[in-house]
């Protein structure tokens, strides 16, 4: 966990010191495919979730998400992203909901004149896994740190298509069984998630 925190801090520092962070851009380049603007991004998502203590091993599900953020320069953006998926258990014909709320620091790689952009992300997330069948209800809440990478292609200057993946680890801090809160001191609270997403990105104030 300390490794993720350290990487997150170094990533932000590098972006803040990088050329162009304060809105300056090299002269003579076509900035038609700029990432410096308000970002609105709906997505479809495939999630993979593992938590050994609870017998959850690489269970998968599909869902969607929505992100809003701002590109402060061609290289640096901050986003908030909410995603959810309906997960299917392997042991029985059952399902549960898995939701993530991400605070994302994004770096963009690639020439300003190119339709193609590379993406690197670091994020801290809240996660909830909730199951209402069979009774009683169960709910797991936790926090995680993730890294992500992807690629973005501008269809027109205002619209881009994006494919990316994220993976991370975390720990649960709340376990509820029905109305009862269960102590987590004696169990392995670690979990891992991986998400693959296809996104439509709208640079709304272009």
C-alpha atoms as a PDB file:
ATOM      1  CA  UNK A   1       0.000   0.000   0.000  1.00  0.00           C
ATOM      2  CA  UNK A   2       2.881   2.380   0.805  1.00  0.00           C
ATOM      3  CA  UNK A   3       4.278   1.673  -2.678  1.00  0.00           C
ATOM      4  CA  UNK A   4       1.052   2.865  -4.298  1.00  0.00           C
ATOM      5  CA  UNK A   5       1.007   6.033  -2.141  1.00  0.00           C
ATOM      6  CA  UNK A   6       4.620   6.821  -2.977  1.00  0.00           C
ATOM      7  CA  UNK A   7       4.042   6.236  -6.705  1.00  0.00           C
ATOM      8  CA  UNK A   8       0.964   8.473  -6.579  1.00  0.00           C
ATOM      9  CA  UNK A   9       2.921  11.354  -4.992  1.00  0.00           C
ATOM     10  CA  UNK A  10       5.819  11.060  -7.446  1.00  0.00           C
ATOM     11  CA  UNK A  11       3.423  10.887 -10.408  1.00  0.00           C
ATOM     12  CA  UNK A  12       1.698  14.141  -9.386  1.00  0.00           C
ATOM     13  CA  UNK A  13       5.061  15.853  -8.814  1.00  0.00           C
ATOM     14  CA  UNK A  14       6.372  14.869 -12.259  1.00  0.00           C
ATOM     15  CA  UNK A  15       3.211  16.127 -13.948  1.00  0.00           C
ATOM     16  CA  UNK A  16       3.320  19.446 -12.118  1.00  0.00           C
ATOM     17  CA  UNK A  17       6.937  20.016 -13.152  1.00  0.00           C
ATOM     18  CA  UNK A  18       6.493  18.831 -16.743  1.00  0.00           C
ATOM     19  CA  UNK A  19       6.610  21.387 -19.579  1.00  0.00           C
ATOM     20  CA  UNK A  20       3.162  22.613 -20.617  1.00  0.00           C
ATOM     21  CA  UNK A  21       1.409  21.970 -17.285  1.00  0.00           C
ATOM     22  CA  UNK A  22       0.580  25.665 -16.932  1.00  0.00           C
ATOM     23  CA  UNK A  23      -1.062  25.853 -20.330  1.00  0.00           C
ATOM     24  CA  UNK A  24       2.005  26.664 -22.428  1.00  0.00           C
ATOM     25  CA  UNK A  25       2.393  24.720 -25.647  1.00  0.00           C
ATOM     26  CA  UNK A  26       5.114  24.556 -28.285  1.00  0.00           C
ATOM     27  CA  UNK A  27       4.754  27.040 -31.108  1.00  0.00           C
ATOM     28  CA  UNK A  28       3.843  25.853 -34.599  1.00  0.00           C
ATOM     29  CA  UNK A  29       1.871  22.765 -33.556  1.00  0.00           C
ATOM     30  CA  UNK A  30      -1.733  22.107 -34.484  1.00  0.00           C
ATOM     31  CA  UNK A  31      -3.565  21.806 -31.142  1.00  0.00           C
ATOM     32  CA  UNK A  32      -6.867  20.758 -32.718  1.00  0.00           C
ATOM     33  CA  UNK A  33      -6.819  17.535 -30.693  1.00  0.00           C
ATOM     34  CA  UNK A  34      -6.301  19.194 -27.336  1.00  0.00           C
ATOM     35  CA  UNK A  35      -7.069  17.471 -24.014  1.00  0.00           C
ATOM     36  CA  UNK A  36      -7.122  20.788 -22.124  1.00  0.00           C
ATOM     37  CA  UNK A  37     -10.811  21.253 -21.407  1.00  0.00           C
ATOM     38  CA  UNK A  38     -13.865  20.061 -19.447  1.00  0.00           C
ATOM     39  CA  UNK A  39     -14.121  16.251 -19.741  1.00  0.00           C
ATOM     40  CA  UNK A  40     -17.429  14.327 -19.718  1.00  0.00           C
ATOM     41  CA  UNK A  41     -17.068  10.591 -20.282  1.00  0.00           C
ATOM     42  CA  UNK A  42     -19.695   7.782 -20.109  1.00  0.00           C
ATOM     43  CA  UNK A  43     -18.341   4.243 -20.382  1.00  0.00           C
ATOM     44  CA  UNK A  44     -19.102   0.532 -20.433  1.00  0.00           C
ATOM     45  CA  UNK A  45     -17.009  -1.581 -18.067  1.00  0.00           C
ATOM     46  CA  UNK A  46     -15.951  -5.171 -17.449  1.00  0.00           C
ATOM     47  CA  UNK A  47     -14.895  -5.815 -13.837  1.00  0.00           C
ATOM     48  CA  UNK A  48     -12.905  -8.621 -12.189  1.00  0.00           C
ATOM     49  CA  UNK A  49     -12.976  -8.902  -8.382  1.00  0.00           C
ATOM     50  CA  UNK A  50     -11.053 -11.129  -5.951  1.00  0.00           C
ATOM     51  CA  UNK A  51     -11.201 -11.367  -2.139  1.00  0.00           C
ATOM     52  CA  UNK A  52      -9.706 -14.597  -0.768  1.00  0.00           C
ATOM     53  CA  UNK A  53     -11.159 -14.312   2.743  1.00  0.00           C
ATOM     54  CA  UNK A  54     -14.695 -14.282   1.352  1.00  0.00           C
ATOM     55  CA  UNK A  55     -14.138 -17.027  -1.223  1.00  0.00           C
ATOM     56  CA  UNK A  56     -14.280 -14.610  -4.153  1.00  0.00           C
ATOM     57  CA  UNK A  57     -11.787 -15.636  -6.825  1.00  0.00           C
ATOM     58  CA  UNK A  58     -11.679 -13.654 -10.075  1.00  0.00           C
ATOM     59  CA  UNK A  59     -15.433 -13.184 -10.356  1.00  0.00           C
ATOM     60  CA  UNK A  60     -16.512 -11.089 -13.335  1.00  0.00           C
ATOM     61  CA  UNK A  61     -19.351  -8.793 -14.271  1.00  0.00           C
ATOM     62  CA  UNK A  62     -20.388  -6.008 -16.629  1.00  0.00           C
ATOM     63  CA  UNK A  63     -21.748  -2.529 -16.112  1.00  0.00           C
ATOM     64  CA  UNK A  64     -21.073   1.104 -16.849  1.00  0.00           C
ATOM     65  CA  UNK A  65     -19.623   4.289 -15.516  1.00  0.00           C
ATOM     66  CA  UNK A  66     -19.487   8.048 -15.788  1.00  0.00           C
ATOM     67  CA  UNK A  67     -16.575  10.449 -15.315  1.00  0.00           C
ATOM     68  CA  UNK A  68     -16.304  14.210 -15.119  1.00  0.00           C
ATOM     69  CA  UNK A  69     -13.087  16.160 -14.887  1.00  0.00           C
ATOM     70  CA  UNK A  70     -10.909  18.909 -16.243  1.00  0.00           C
ATOM     71  CA  UNK A  71      -7.733  18.977 -18.292  1.00  0.00           C
ATOM     72  CA  UNK A  72      -5.643  21.753 -16.757  1.00  0.00           C
ATOM     73  CA  UNK A  73      -3.098  21.372 -19.545  1.00  0.00           C
ATOM     74  CA  UNK A  74      -2.353  19.095 -22.494  1.00  0.00           C
ATOM     75  CA  UNK A  75      -0.577  16.713 -20.099  1.00  0.00           C
ATOM     76  CA  UNK A  76      -2.445  16.841 -16.796  1.00  0.00           C
ATOM     77  CA  UNK A  77      -6.074  16.258 -15.762  1.00  0.00           C
ATOM     78  CA  UNK A  78      -8.071  15.473 -12.640  1.00  0.00           C
ATOM     79  CA  UNK A  79     -11.267  13.394 -12.814  1.00  0.00           C
ATOM     80  CA  UNK A  80     -13.945  11.886 -10.601  1.00  0.00           C
ATOM     81  CA  UNK A  81     -15.324   8.606 -11.899  1.00  0.00           C
ATOM     82  CA  UNK A  82     -18.189   6.401 -10.696  1.00  0.00           C
ATOM     83  CA  UNK A  83     -18.551   2.876 -12.089  1.00  0.00           C
ATOM     84  CA  UNK A  84     -20.647  -0.141 -11.203  1.00  0.00           C
ATOM     85  CA  UNK A  85     -21.074  -3.721 -12.358  1.00  0.00           C
ATOM     86  CA  UNK A  86     -23.369  -6.656 -11.664  1.00  0.00           C
ATOM     87  CA  UNK A  87     -21.098  -9.499 -10.643  1.00  0.00           C
ATOM     88  CA  UNK A  88     -21.887 -13.214 -10.933  1.00  0.00           C
ATOM     89  CA  UNK A  89     -20.659 -15.665  -8.326  1.00  0.00           C
ATOM     90  CA  UNK A  90     -19.015 -18.926  -9.354  1.00  0.00           C
ATOM     91  CA  UNK A  91     -20.266 -21.052  -6.470  1.00  0.00           C
ATOM     92  CA  UNK A  92     -23.989 -20.540  -7.051  1.00  0.00           C
ATOM     93  CA  UNK A  93     -26.463 -18.734  -9.248  1.00  0.00           C
ATOM     94  CA  UNK A  94     -26.232 -15.452  -7.384  1.00  0.00           C
ATOM     95  CA  UNK A  95     -25.240 -11.863  -8.112  1.00  0.00           C
ATOM     96  CA  UNK A  96     -23.977  -8.811  -6.278  1.00  0.00           C
ATOM     97  CA  UNK A  97     -23.270  -5.195  -7.113  1.00  0.00           C
ATOM     98  CA  UNK A  98     -19.699  -3.876  -7.198  1.00  0.00           C
ATOM     99  CA  UNK A  99     -19.237  -0.091  -7.275  1.00  0.00           C
ATOM    100  CA  UNK A 100     -16.128   2.131  -7.419  1.00  0.00           C
ATOM    101  CA  UNK A 101     -15.791   5.862  -6.823  1.00  0.00           C
ATOM    102  CA  UNK A 102     -12.407   7.038  -8.159  1.00  0.00           C
ATOM    103  CA  UNK A 103     -10.404  10.226  -7.746  1.00  0.00           C
ATOM    104  CA  UNK A 104      -8.086  10.123 -10.759  1.00  0.00           C
ATOM    105  CA  UNK A 105      -4.844  11.888 -11.645  1.00  0.00           C
ATOM    106  CA  UNK A 106      -4.279  11.479 -15.384  1.00  0.00           C
ATOM    107  CA  UNK A 107      -1.236  12.090 -17.547  1.00  0.00           C
ATOM    108  CA  UNK A 108      -1.536  12.311 -21.350  1.00  0.00           C
ATOM    109  CA  UNK A 109       1.260  11.297 -23.723  1.00  0.00           C
ATOM    110  CA  UNK A 110       1.502  12.164 -27.413  1.00  0.00           C
ATOM    111  CA  UNK A 111       1.985  15.100 -29.801  1.00  0.00           C
ATOM    112  CA  UNK A 112      -0.611  17.863 -29.678  1.00  0.00           C
ATOM    113  CA  UNK A 113      -1.146  17.436 -33.426  1.00  0.00           C
ATOM    114  CA  UNK A 114      -1.961  13.698 -33.172  1.00  0.00           C
ATOM    115  CA  UNK A 115      -5.409  12.136 -32.985  1.00  0.00           C
ATOM    116  CA  UNK A 116      -3.865   9.373 -30.848  1.00  0.00           C
ATOM    117  CA  UNK A 117      -3.071   9.943 -27.163  1.00  0.00           C
ATOM    118  CA  UNK A 118      -1.610   7.628 -24.553  1.00  0.00           C
ATOM    119  CA  UNK A 119      -3.060   7.732 -21.029  1.00  0.00           C
ATOM    120  CA  UNK A 120      -1.517   6.964 -17.649  1.00  0.00           C
ATOM    121  CA  UNK A 121      -3.611   7.111 -14.460  1.00  0.00           C
ATOM    122  CA  UNK A 122      -3.164   6.848 -10.723  1.00  0.00           C
ATOM    123  CA  UNK A 123      -6.204   6.826  -8.465  1.00  0.00           C
ATOM    124  CA  UNK A 124      -7.554   6.358  -4.972  1.00  0.00           C
ATOM    125  CA  UNK A 125     -10.972   4.731  -4.770  1.00  0.00           C
ATOM    126  CA  UNK A 126     -13.798   3.820  -2.479  1.00  0.00           C
ATOM    127  CA  UNK A 127     -15.384   0.440  -3.200  1.00  0.00           C
ATOM    128  CA  UNK A 128     -18.666  -1.198  -2.187  1.00  0.00           C
ATOM    129  CA  UNK A 129     -19.737  -4.813  -2.763  1.00  0.00           C
ATOM    130  CA  UNK A 130     -23.380  -5.429  -1.851  1.00  0.00           C
ATOM    131  CA  UNK A 131     -25.458  -8.590  -2.068  1.00  0.00           C
ATOM    132  CA  UNK A 132     -29.191  -8.676  -1.304  1.00  0.00           C
ATOM    133  CA  UNK A 133     -29.871 -12.302  -2.230  1.00  0.00           C
ATOM    134  CA  UNK A 134     -29.935 -14.684  -0.488  1.00  0.00           C
ATOM    135  CA  UNK A 135     -30.926 -12.983   2.758  1.00  0.00           C
ATOM    136  CA  UNK A 136     -29.547 -11.517   4.948  1.00  0.00           C
ATOM    137  CA  UNK A 137     -28.049  -8.587   3.079  1.00  0.00           C
ATOM    138  CA  UNK A 138     -24.267  -8.387   3.042  1.00  0.00           C
ATOM    139  CA  UNK A 139     -22.185  -5.293   2.394  1.00  0.00           C
ATOM    140  CA  UNK A 140     -18.419  -4.767   2.151  1.00  0.00           C
ATOM    141  CA  UNK A 141     -16.833  -1.318   2.000  1.00  0.00           C
ATOM    142  CA  UNK A 142     -13.179  -0.471   1.511  1.00  0.00           C
ATOM    143  CA  UNK A 143     -10.519   1.749   0.007  1.00  0.00           C
ATOM    144  CA  UNK A 144      -8.038   0.942  -2.736  1.00  0.00           C
ATOM    145  CA  UNK A 145      -5.173   2.346  -4.819  1.00  0.00           C
ATOM    146  CA  UNK A 146      -4.962   1.656  -8.550  1.00  0.00           C
ATOM    147  CA  UNK A 147      -2.918   2.305 -11.669  1.00  0.00           C
ATOM    148  CA  UNK A 148      -4.286   2.490 -15.187  1.00  0.00           C
ATOM    149  CA  UNK A 149      -3.220   2.865 -18.793  1.00  0.00           C
ATOM    150  CA  UNK A 150      -5.002   3.280 -22.088  1.00  0.00           C
ATOM    151  CA  UNK A 151      -5.273   4.934 -25.468  1.00  0.00           C
ATOM    152  CA  UNK A 152      -7.522   7.662 -26.840  1.00  0.00           C
ATOM    153  CA  UNK A 153      -8.456   8.413 -30.466  1.00  0.00           C
ATOM    154  CA  UNK A 154     -10.077  11.686 -31.527  1.00  0.00           C
ATOM    155  CA  UNK A 155     -12.917  11.152 -33.998  1.00  0.00           C
ATOM    156  CA  UNK A 156     -13.434  14.918 -34.234  1.00  0.00           C
ATOM    157  CA  UNK A 157     -11.789  17.670 -32.145  1.00  0.00           C
ATOM    158  CA  UNK A 158     -14.584  17.552 -29.536  1.00  0.00           C
ATOM    159  CA  UNK A 159     -15.113  13.757 -29.349  1.00  0.00           C
ATOM    160  CA  UNK A 160     -12.702  10.905 -28.650  1.00  0.00           C
ATOM    161  CA  UNK A 161     -13.000   7.160 -28.156  1.00  0.00           C
ATOM    162  CA  UNK A 162     -10.993   5.678 -25.318  1.00  0.00           C
ATOM    163  CA  UNK A 163      -9.995   2.172 -24.209  1.00  0.00           C
ATOM    164  CA  UNK A 164      -8.181   1.619 -20.933  1.00  0.00           C
ATOM    165  CA  UNK A 165      -7.644  -0.783 -18.062  1.00  0.00           C
ATOM    166  CA  UNK A 166      -7.038  -0.297 -14.346  1.00  0.00           C
ATOM    167  CA  UNK A 167      -5.857  -2.667 -11.651  1.00  0.00           C
ATOM    168  CA  UNK A 168      -5.476  -2.138  -7.929  1.00  0.00           C
ATOM    169  CA  UNK A 169      -5.433  -3.528  -4.415  1.00  0.00           C
ATOM    170  CA  UNK A 170      -7.101  -2.391  -1.215  1.00  0.00           C
ATOM    171  CA  UNK A 171      -8.550  -3.421   2.115  1.00  0.00           C
ATOM    172  CA  UNK A 172     -12.045  -3.530   3.570  1.00  0.00           C
ATOM    173  CA  UNK A 173     -12.901  -1.293   6.510  1.00  0.00           C
ATOM    174  CA  UNK A 174     -16.574  -2.229   6.952  1.00  0.00           C
ATOM    175  CA  UNK A 175     -18.436  -5.552   6.774  1.00  0.00           C
ATOM    176  CA  UNK A 176     -22.184  -5.635   7.416  1.00  0.00           C
ATOM    177  CA  UNK A 177     -24.369  -8.722   7.651  1.00  0.00           C
ATOM    178  CA  UNK A 178     -27.969  -7.582   7.683  1.00  0.00           C
ATOM    179  CA  UNK A 179     -28.135  -4.835  10.317  1.00  0.00           C
ATOM    180  CA  UNK A 180     -25.086  -6.162  12.183  1.00  0.00           C
ATOM    181  CA  UNK A 181     -21.596  -4.750  11.702  1.00  0.00           C
ATOM    182  CA  UNK A 182     -18.935  -7.484  11.729  1.00  0.00           C
ATOM    183  CA  UNK A 183     -15.453  -6.907  13.155  1.00  0.00           C
ATOM    184  CA  UNK A 184     -12.578  -7.104  10.675  1.00  0.00           C
ATOM    185  CA  UNK A 185      -9.659  -7.398  13.103  1.00  0.00           C
ATOM    186  CA  UNK A 186      -9.186 -11.154  12.732  1.00  0.00           C
ATOM    187  CA  UNK A 187      -9.630 -11.615   8.977  1.00  0.00           C
ATOM    188  CA  UNK A 188      -7.665 -10.925   5.817  1.00  0.00           C
ATOM    189  CA  UNK A 189      -9.200  -7.684   4.537  1.00  0.00           C
ATOM    190  CA  UNK A 190      -7.277  -7.466   1.258  1.00  0.00           C
ATOM    191  CA  UNK A 191      -8.976  -7.489  -2.144  1.00  0.00           C
ATOM    192  CA  UNK A 192      -8.096  -6.767  -5.757  1.00  0.00           C
ATOM    193  CA  UNK A 193     -10.030  -5.426  -8.728  1.00  0.00           C
ATOM    194  CA  UNK A 194      -9.323  -5.060 -12.428  1.00  0.00           C
ATOM    195  CA  UNK A 195     -11.505  -3.032 -14.799  1.00  0.00           C
ATOM    196  CA  UNK A 196     -11.526  -2.827 -18.602  1.00  0.00           C
ATOM    197  CA  UNK A 197     -13.488   0.047 -20.117  1.00  0.00           C
ATOM    198  CA  UNK A 198     -14.583   1.527 -23.429  1.00  0.00           C
ATOM    199  CA  UNK A 199     -15.407   5.226 -23.146  1.00  0.00           C
ATOM    200  CA  UNK A 200     -16.873   8.042 -25.203  1.00  0.00           C
ATOM    201  CA  UNK A 201     -15.091  11.279 -24.235  1.00  0.00           C
ATOM    202  CA  UNK A 202     -16.655  14.682 -24.834  1.00  0.00           C
ATOM    203  CA  UNK A 203     -14.476  17.782 -24.427  1.00  0.00           C
ATOM    204  CA  UNK A 204     -17.499  19.879 -23.638  1.00  0.00           C
ATOM    205  CA  UNK A 205     -16.232  23.480 -23.781  1.00  0.00           C
ATOM    206  CA  UNK A 206     -14.221  23.176 -26.991  1.00  0.00           C
END
